[in-house]
PDB file of N, CA and C in Angstrom:
ATOM      1  N   MET A   1       0.816  -1.194   0.000  1.00  0.00           N
ATOM      2  CA  MET A   1       0.000   0.000   0.000  1.00  0.00           C
ATOM      3  C   MET A   1       0.862   1.262   0.000  1.00  0.00           C
ATOM      4  N   GLN A   2       2.113   1.107   0.405  1.00  0.00           N
ATOM      5  CA  GLN A   2       2.987   2.270   0.465  1.00  0.00           C
ATOM      6  C   GLN A   2       3.209   2.870  -0.916  1.00  0.00           C
ATOM      7  N   SER A   3       3.314   2.033  -1.953  1.00  0.00           N
ATOM      8  CA  SER A   3       3.544   2.574  -3.293  1.00  0.00           C
ATOM      9  C   SER A   3       2.357   3.412  -3.753  1.00  0.00           C
ATOM     10  N   LEU A   4       1.137   3.004  -3.405  1.00  0.00           N
ATOM     11  CA  LEU A   4      -0.048   3.771  -3.769  1.00  0.00           C
ATOM     12  C   LEU A   4      -0.095   5.087  -2.998  1.00  0.00           C
ATOM     13  N   THR A   5       0.226   5.043  -1.716  1.00  0.00           N
ATOM     14  CA  THR A   5       0.258   6.262  -0.905  1.00  0.00           C
ATOM     15  C   THR A   5       1.282   7.247  -1.452  1.00  0.00           C
ATOM     16  N   THR A   6       2.452   6.758  -1.802  1.00  0.00           N
ATOM     17  CA  THR A   6       3.494   7.613  -2.375  1.00  0.00           C
ATOM     18  C   THR A   6       3.039   8.204  -3.703  1.00  0.00           C
ATOM     19  N   ALA A   7       2.390   7.400  -4.533  1.00  0.00           N
ATOM     20  CA  ALA A   7       1.898   7.892  -5.825  1.00  0.00           C
ATOM     21  C   ALA A   7       0.854   8.985  -5.623  1.00  0.00           C
ATOM     22  N   LEU A   8      -0.049   8.803  -4.677  1.00  0.00           N
ATOM     23  CA  LEU A   8      -1.067   9.827  -4.407  1.00  0.00           C
ATOM     24  C   LEU A   8      -0.440  11.111  -3.869  1.00  0.00           C
ATOM     25  N   GLU A   9       0.554  10.978  -3.013  1.00  0.00           N
ATOM     26  CA  GLU A   9       1.260  12.162  -2.511  1.00  0.00           C
ATOM     27  C   GLU A   9       1.943  12.906  -3.654  1.00  0.00           C
ATOM     28  N   ASN A  10       2.566  12.176  -4.568  1.00  0.00           N
ATOM     29  CA  ASN A  10       3.207  12.806  -5.730  1.00  0.00           C
ATOM     30  C   ASN A  10       2.181  13.503  -6.613  1.00  0.00           C
ATOM     31  N   LEU A  11       1.028  12.871  -6.807  1.00  0.00           N
ATOM     32  CA  LEU A  11      -0.032  13.485  -7.604  1.00  0.00           C
ATOM     33  C   LEU A  11      -0.522  14.775  -6.950  1.00  0.00           C
ATOM     34  N   LEU A  12      -0.755  14.750  -5.655  1.00  0.00           N
ATOM     35  CA  LEU A  12      -1.192  15.959  -4.948  1.00  0.00           C
ATOM     36  C   LEU A  12      -0.147  17.065  -5.042  1.00  0.00           C
ATOM     37  N   ARG A  13       1.137  16.694  -4.959  1.00  0.00           N
ATOM     38  CA  ARG A  13       2.206  17.686  -5.080  1.00  0.00           C
ATOM     39  C   ARG A  13       2.177  18.334  -6.462  1.00  0.00           C
ATOM     40  N   HIS A  14       2.002  17.536  -7.511  1.00  0.00           N
ATOM     41  CA  HIS A  14       1.925  18.077  -8.878  1.00  0.00           C
ATOM     42  C   HIS A  14       0.707  18.986  -9.040  1.00  0.00           C
ATOM     43  N   LEU A  15      -0.423  18.563  -8.494  1.00  0.00           N
ATOM     44  CA  LEU A  15      -1.652  19.344  -8.651  1.00  0.00           C
ATOM     45  C   LEU A  15      -1.641  20.632  -7.833  1.00  0.00           C
ATOM     46  N   SER A  16      -0.839  20.675  -6.774  1.00  0.00           N
ATOM     47  CA  SER A  16      -0.785  21.884  -5.951  1.00  0.00           C
ATOM     48  C   SER A  16       0.144  22.950  -6.536  1.00  0.00           C
ATOM     49  N   GLN A  17       0.952  22.573  -7.528  1.00  0.00           N
ATOM     50  CA  GLN A  17       1.832  23.547  -8.174  1.00  0.00           C
ATOM     51  C   GLN A  17       1.017  24.468  -9.075  1.00  0.00           C
ATOM     52  N   GLU A  18       1.533  25.657  -9.274  1.00  0.00           N
ATOM     53  CA  GLU A  18       0.852  26.607 -10.147  1.00  0.00           C
ATOM     54  C   GLU A  18       0.887  26.103 -11.590  1.00  0.00           C
ATOM     55  N   ILE A  19      -0.281  26.112 -12.211  1.00  0.00           N
ATOM     56  CA  ILE A  19      -0.401  25.661 -13.599  1.00  0.00           C
ATOM     57  C   ILE A  19      -0.424  26.895 -14.493  1.00  0.00           C
ATOM     58  N   PRO A  20       0.438  26.959 -15.497  1.00  0.00           N
ATOM     59  CA  PRO A  20       0.465  28.131 -16.384  1.00  0.00           C
ATOM     60  C   PRO A  20      -0.889  28.346 -17.069  1.00  0.00           C
ATOM     61  N   ALA A  21      -1.219  29.593 -17.314  1.00  0.00           N
ATOM     62  CA  ALA A  21      -2.492  29.937 -17.943  1.00  0.00           C
ATOM     63  C   ALA A  21      -2.468  29.733 -19.456  1.00  0.00           C
ATOM     64  N   THR A  22      -1.343  29.345 -20.001  1.00  0.00           N
ATOM     65  CA  THR A  22      -1.251  29.144 -21.448  1.00  0.00           C
ATOM     66  C   THR A  22      -2.065  27.925 -21.863  1.00  0.00           C
ATOM     67  N   PRO A  23      -2.676  27.988 -23.049  1.00  0.00           N
ATOM     68  CA  PRO A  23      -3.470  26.844 -23.496  1.00  0.00           C
ATOM     69  C   PRO A  23      -2.578  25.655 -23.829  1.00  0.00           C
ATOM     70  N   GLY A  24      -3.156  24.489 -23.755  1.00  0.00           N
ATOM     71  CA  GLY A  24      -2.426  23.276 -24.104  1.00  0.00           C
ATOM     72  C   GLY A  24      -2.789  22.137 -23.184  1.00  0.00           C
ATOM     73  N   ILE A  25      -2.236  21.003 -23.469  1.00  0.00           N
ATOM     74  CA  ILE A  25      -2.498  19.802 -22.689  1.00  0.00           C
ATOM     75  C   ILE A  25      -1.421  19.653 -21.626  1.00  0.00           C
ATOM     76  N   ARG A  26      -1.827  19.334 -20.432  1.00  0.00           N
ATOM     77  CA  ARG A  26      -0.898  19.079 -19.335  1.00  0.00           C
ATOM     78  C   ARG A  26      -0.904  17.581 -19.066  1.00  0.00           C
ATOM     79  N   VAL A  27       0.260  16.982 -19.015  1.00  0.00           N
ATOM     80  CA  VAL A  27       0.378  15.558 -18.741  1.00  0.00           C
ATOM     81  C   VAL A  27       1.069  15.389 -17.394  1.00  0.00           C
ATOM     82  N   ILE A  28       0.431  14.647 -16.522  1.00  0.00           N
ATOM     83  CA  ILE A  28       1.029  14.297 -15.236  1.00  0.00           C
ATOM     84  C   ILE A  28       1.115  12.781 -15.204  1.00  0.00           C
ATOM     85  N   ASP A  29       2.318  12.263 -15.134  1.00  0.00           N
ATOM     86  CA  ASP A  29       2.550  10.824 -15.161  1.00  0.00           C
ATOM     87  C   ASP A  29       3.135  10.412 -13.819  1.00  0.00           C
ATOM     88  N   ILE A  30       2.391   9.606 -13.074  1.00  0.00           N
ATOM     89  CA  ILE A  30       2.842   9.147 -11.767  1.00  0.00           C
ATOM     90  C   ILE A  30       2.903   7.615 -11.799  1.00  0.00           C
ATOM     91  N   PRO A  31       4.022   7.047 -12.238  1.00  0.00           N
ATOM     92  CA  PRO A  31       4.117   5.581 -12.259  1.00  0.00           C
ATOM     93  C   PRO A  31       4.345   5.037 -10.849  1.00  0.00           C
ATOM     94  N   PHE A  32       3.843   3.840 -10.608  1.00  0.00           N
ATOM     95  CA  PHE A  32       4.116   3.180  -9.339  1.00  0.00           C
ATOM     96  C   PHE A  32       3.988   1.670  -9.527  1.00  0.00           C
ATOM     97  N   PRO A  33       4.807   0.906  -8.809  1.00  0.00           N
ATOM     98  CA  PRO A  33       4.770  -0.551  -8.952  1.00  0.00           C
ATOM     99  C   PRO A  33       3.569  -1.133  -8.217  1.00  0.00           C
ATOM    100  N   LEU A  34       3.006  -2.168  -8.785  1.00  0.00           N
ATOM    101  CA  LEU A  34       1.914  -2.887  -8.141  1.00  0.00           C
ATOM    102  C   LEU A  34       2.351  -4.313  -7.874  1.00  0.00           C
ATOM    103  N   LYS A  35       1.702  -4.925  -6.926  1.00  0.00           N
ATOM    104  CA  LYS A  35       1.983  -6.334  -6.659  1.00  0.00           C
ATOM    105  C   LYS A  35       1.569  -7.157  -7.867  1.00  0.00           C
ATOM    106  N   ASP A  36       2.207  -8.280  -8.056  1.00  0.00           N
ATOM    107  CA  ASP A  36       1.881  -9.149  -9.186  1.00  0.00           C
ATOM    108  C   ASP A  36       0.440  -9.628  -9.140  1.00  0.00           C
ATOM    109  N   ALA A  37      -0.163  -9.636  -7.949  1.00  0.00           N
ATOM    110  CA  ALA A  37      -1.531 -10.132  -7.805  1.00  0.00           C
ATOM    111  C   ALA A  37      -2.572  -9.124  -8.295  1.00  0.00           C
ATOM    112  N   PHE A  38      -2.171  -7.897  -8.582  1.00  0.00           N
ATOM    113  CA  PHE A  38      -3.119  -6.875  -9.029  1.00  0.00           C
ATOM    114  C   PHE A  38      -3.477  -7.119 -10.488  1.00  0.00           C
ATOM    115  N   ASP A  39      -4.756  -7.203 -10.780  1.00  0.00           N
ATOM    116  CA  ASP A  39      -5.234  -7.429 -12.142  1.00  0.00           C
ATOM    117  C   ASP A  39      -5.815  -6.123 -12.677  1.00  0.00           C
ATOM    118  N   ALA A  40      -5.010  -5.387 -13.434  1.00  0.00           N
ATOM    119  CA  ALA A  40      -5.426  -4.072 -13.929  1.00  0.00           C
ATOM    120  C   ALA A  40      -6.629  -4.166 -14.859  1.00  0.00           C
ATOM    121  N   LEU A  41      -6.715  -5.214 -15.655  1.00  0.00           N
ATOM    122  CA  LEU A  41      -7.829  -5.360 -16.586  1.00  0.00           C
ATOM    123  C   LEU A  41      -9.146  -5.584 -15.840  1.00  0.00           C
ATOM    124  N   SER A  42      -9.131  -6.382 -14.794  1.00  0.00           N
ATOM    125  CA  SER A  42     -10.342  -6.579 -13.985  1.00  0.00           C
ATOM    126  C   SER A  42     -10.739  -5.288 -13.283  1.00  0.00           C
ATOM    127  N   TRP A  43      -9.729  -4.565 -12.774  1.00  0.00           N
ATOM    128  CA  TRP A  43     -10.020  -3.288 -12.130  1.00  0.00           C
ATOM    129  C   TRP A  43     -10.672  -2.332 -13.120  1.00  0.00           C
ATOM    130  N   LEU A  44     -10.119  -2.260 -14.324  1.00  0.00           N
ATOM    131  CA  LEU A  44     -10.649  -1.366 -15.345  1.00  0.00           C
ATOM    132  C   LEU A  44     -12.088  -1.737 -15.697  1.00  0.00           C
ATOM    133  N   ALA A  45     -12.361  -3.022 -15.823  1.00  0.00           N
ATOM    134  CA  ALA A  45     -13.706  -3.479 -16.176  1.00  0.00           C
ATOM    135  C   ALA A  45     -14.731  -3.124 -15.105  1.00  0.00           C
ATOM    136  N   SER A  46     -14.297  -2.954 -13.871  1.00  0.00           N
ATOM    137  CA  SER A  46     -15.226  -2.635 -12.785  1.00  0.00           C
ATOM    138  C   SER A  46     -15.493  -1.138 -12.643  1.00  0.00           C
ATOM    139  N   GLN A  47     -14.805  -0.306 -13.407  1.00  0.00           N
ATOM    140  CA  GLN A  47     -14.977   1.142 -13.323  1.00  0.00           C
ATOM    141  C   GLN A  47     -16.180   1.593 -14.141  1.00  0.00           C
ATOM    142  N   GLN A  48     -16.827   2.670 -13.696  1.00  0.00           N
ATOM    143  CA  GLN A  48     -17.994   3.193 -14.398  1.00  0.00           C
ATOM    144  C   GLN A  48     -17.655   4.377 -15.296  1.00  0.00           C
ATOM    145  N   THR A  49     -16.415   4.837 -15.268  1.00  0.00           N
ATOM    146  CA  THR A  49     -15.984   5.966 -16.084  1.00  0.00           C
ATOM    147  C   THR A  49     -15.586   5.476 -17.474  1.00  0.00           C
ATOM    148  N   TYR A  50     -15.955   6.244 -18.484  1.00  0.00           N
ATOM    149  CA  TYR A  50     -15.594   5.922 -19.870  1.00  0.00           C
ATOM    150  C   TYR A  50     -14.992   7.147 -20.516  1.00  0.00           C
ATOM    151  N   PRO A  51     -14.165   7.041 -21.515  1.00  0.00           N
ATOM    152  CA  PRO A  51     -13.687   5.814 -22.135  1.00  0.00           C
ATOM    153  C   PRO A  51     -12.661   5.101 -21.264  1.00  0.00           C
ATOM    154  N   GLN A  52     -12.446   3.842 -21.589  1.00  0.00           N
ATOM    155  CA  GLN A  52     -11.476   3.012 -20.893  1.00  0.00           C
ATOM    156  C   GLN A  52     -10.460   2.486 -21.904  1.00  0.00           C
ATOM    157  N   PHE A  53      -9.207   2.490 -21.499  1.00  0.00           N
ATOM    158  CA  PHE A  53      -8.135   1.989 -22.363  1.00  0.00           C
ATOM    159  C   PHE A  53      -7.259   1.032 -21.564  1.00  0.00           C
ATOM    160  N   TYR A  54      -6.850  -0.046 -22.201  1.00  0.00           N
ATOM    161  CA  TYR A  54      -5.930  -0.995 -21.569  1.00  0.00           C
ATOM    162  C   TYR A  54      -4.825  -1.324 -22.568  1.00  0.00           C
ATOM    163  N   TRP A  55      -3.599  -1.343 -22.092  1.00  0.00           N
ATOM    164  CA  TRP A  55      -2.451  -1.680 -22.936  1.00  0.00           C
ATOM    165  C   TRP A  55      -1.487  -2.520 -22.115  1.00  0.00           C
ATOM    166  N   GLN A  56      -0.932  -3.564 -22.734  1.00  0.00           N
ATOM    167  CA  GLN A  56       0.097  -4.371 -22.090  1.00  0.00           C
ATOM    168  C   GLN A  56       1.222  -4.609 -23.089  1.00  0.00           C
ATOM    169  N   GLN A  57       2.438  -4.364 -22.644  1.00  0.00           N
ATOM    170  CA  GLN A  57       3.611  -4.603 -23.480  1.00  0.00           C
ATOM    171  C   GLN A  57       3.701  -6.097 -23.793  1.00  0.00           C
ATOM    172  N   ARG A  58       4.178  -6.435 -24.962  1.00  0.00           N
ATOM    173  CA  ARG A  58       4.206  -7.845 -25.394  1.00  0.00           C
ATOM    174  C   ARG A  58       4.951  -8.759 -24.432  1.00  0.00           C
ATOM    175  N   ASN A  59       6.051  -8.263 -23.862  1.00  0.00           N
ATOM    176  CA  ASN A  59       6.796  -9.120 -22.933  1.00  0.00           C
ATOM    177  C   ASN A  59       6.207  -9.084 -21.522  1.00  0.00           C
ATOM    178  N   GLY A  60       5.162  -8.280 -21.315  1.00  0.00           N
ATOM    179  CA  GLY A  60       4.462  -8.244 -20.038  1.00  0.00           C
ATOM    180  C   GLY A  60       5.103  -7.391 -18.970  1.00  0.00           C
ATOM    181  N   ASP A  61       6.179  -6.673 -19.306  1.00  0.00           N
ATOM    182  CA  ASP A  61       6.862  -5.859 -18.301  1.00  0.00           C
ATOM    183  C   ASP A  61       6.069  -4.620 -17.894  1.00  0.00           C
ATOM    184  N   GLU A  62       5.298  -4.077 -18.808  1.00  0.00           N
ATOM    185  CA  GLU A  62       4.553  -2.854 -18.514  1.00  0.00           C
ATOM    186  C   GLU A  62       3.115  -3.004 -18.978  1.00  0.00           C
ATOM    187  N   GLU A  63       2.210  -2.366 -18.224  1.00  0.00           N
ATOM    188  CA  GLU A  63       0.824  -2.305 -18.645  1.00  0.00           C
ATOM    189  C   GLU A  63       0.230  -0.996 -18.153  1.00  0.00           C
ATOM    190  N   ALA A  64      -0.838  -0.589 -18.792  1.00  0.00           N
ATOM    191  CA  ALA A  64      -1.505   0.653 -18.410  1.00  0.00           C
ATOM    192  C   ALA A  64      -3.010   0.443 -18.469  1.00  0.00           C
ATOM    193  N   ALA A  65      -3.691   0.888 -17.436  1.00  0.00           N
ATOM    194  CA  ALA A  65      -5.150   0.928 -17.401  1.00  0.00           C
ATOM    195  C   ALA A  65      -5.510   2.393 -17.218  1.00  0.00           C
ATOM    196  N   VAL A  66      -6.220   2.964 -18.179  1.00  0.00           N
ATOM    197  CA  VAL A  66      -6.432   4.410 -18.221  1.00  0.00           C
ATOM    198  C   VAL A  66      -7.917   4.709 -18.355  1.00  0.00           C
ATOM    199  N   LEU A  67      -8.367   5.732 -17.634  1.00  0.00           N
ATOM    200  CA  LEU A  67      -9.768   6.155 -17.662  1.00  0.00           C
ATOM    201  C   LEU A  67      -9.871   7.612 -18.054  1.00  0.00           C
ATOM    202  N   GLY A  68     -10.966   7.974 -18.716  1.00  0.00           N
ATOM    203  CA  GLY A  68     -11.291   9.373 -18.917  1.00  0.00           C
ATOM    204  C   GLY A  68     -10.985   9.905 -20.292  1.00  0.00           C
ATOM    205  N   ALA A  69     -11.438  11.138 -20.500  1.00  0.00           N
ATOM    206  CA  ALA A  69     -11.269  11.805 -21.788  1.00  0.00           C
ATOM    207  C   ALA A  69     -10.894  13.257 -21.549  1.00  0.00           C
ATOM    208  N   ILE A  70     -10.092  13.788 -22.429  1.00  0.00           N
ATOM    209  CA  ILE A  70      -9.709  15.197 -22.344  1.00  0.00           C
ATOM    210  C   ILE A  70     -10.823  16.075 -22.877  1.00  0.00           C
ATOM    211  N   THR A  71     -11.409  15.655 -23.973  1.00  0.00           N
ATOM    212  CA  THR A  71     -12.509  16.412 -24.571  1.00  0.00           C
ATOM    213  C   THR A  71     -13.489  15.430 -25.192  1.00  0.00           C
ATOM    214  N   ARG A  72     -14.717  15.875 -25.374  1.00  0.00           N
ATOM    215  CA  ARG A  72     -15.743  15.026 -25.971  1.00  0.00           C
ATOM    216  C   ARG A  72     -16.414  15.764 -27.108  1.00  0.00           C
ATOM    217  N   PHE A  73     -16.875  15.011 -28.071  1.00  0.00           N
ATOM    218  CA  PHE A  73     -17.550  15.578 -29.230  1.00  0.00           C
ATOM    219  C   PHE A  73     -18.925  14.940 -29.360  1.00  0.00           C
ATOM    220  N   THR A  74     -19.902  15.756 -29.723  1.00  0.00           N
ATOM    221  CA  THR A  74     -21.254  15.229 -29.908  1.00  0.00           C
ATOM    222  C   THR A  74     -21.527  14.869 -31.355  1.00  0.00           C
ATOM    223  N   SER A  75     -20.615  15.245 -32.249  1.00  0.00           N
ATOM    224  CA  SER A  75     -20.788  14.887 -33.655  1.00  0.00           C
ATOM    225  C   SER A  75     -19.418  14.693 -34.302  1.00  0.00           C
ATOM    226  N   LEU A  76     -19.416  14.006 -35.418  1.00  0.00           N
ATOM    227  CA  LEU A  76     -18.175  13.784 -36.156  1.00  0.00           C
ATOM    228  C   LEU A  76     -17.617  15.102 -36.683  1.00  0.00           C
ATOM    229  N   ASP A  77     -18.487  16.019 -37.086  1.00  0.00           N
ATOM    230  CA  ASP A  77     -18.033  17.322 -37.588  1.00  0.00           C
ATOM    231  C   ASP A  77     -17.259  18.093 -36.525  1.00  0.00           C
ATOM    232  N   GLN A  78     -17.685  18.032 -35.281  1.00  0.00           N
ATOM    233  CA  GLN A  78     -16.975  18.730 -34.208  1.00  0.00           C
ATOM    234  C   GLN A  78     -15.574  18.163 -34.002  1.00  0.00           C
ATOM    235  N   ALA A  79     -15.414  16.889 -34.229  1.00  0.00           N
ATOM    236  CA  ALA A  79     -14.128  16.236 -33.990  1.00  0.00           C
ATOM    237  C   ALA A  79     -13.111  16.521 -35.083  1.00  0.00           C
ATOM    238  N   GLN A  80     -13.560  16.977 -36.243  1.00  0.00           N
ATOM    239  CA  GLN A  80     -12.640  17.193 -37.354  1.00  0.00           C
ATOM    240  C   GLN A  80     -12.115  18.602 -37.406  1.00  0.00           C
TER     241      GLN A  80
END
């Protein structure tokens, strides 16, 4: 549980910093190790937030379970 606590503390530290008023996308990446028993795909499937993305490296060393969207479009024309 310590790795999760440390990751949350790092996230709070990043979010408490002043964010520039300039337009653009801000990326905050807080990696943390999980126990081998953690099943990211099952966790992702149990979430109610969409969209959902799952990726696993072919050799299995890295995986990502990601939730949410930066922006949404109600029509194809808006997205283009």
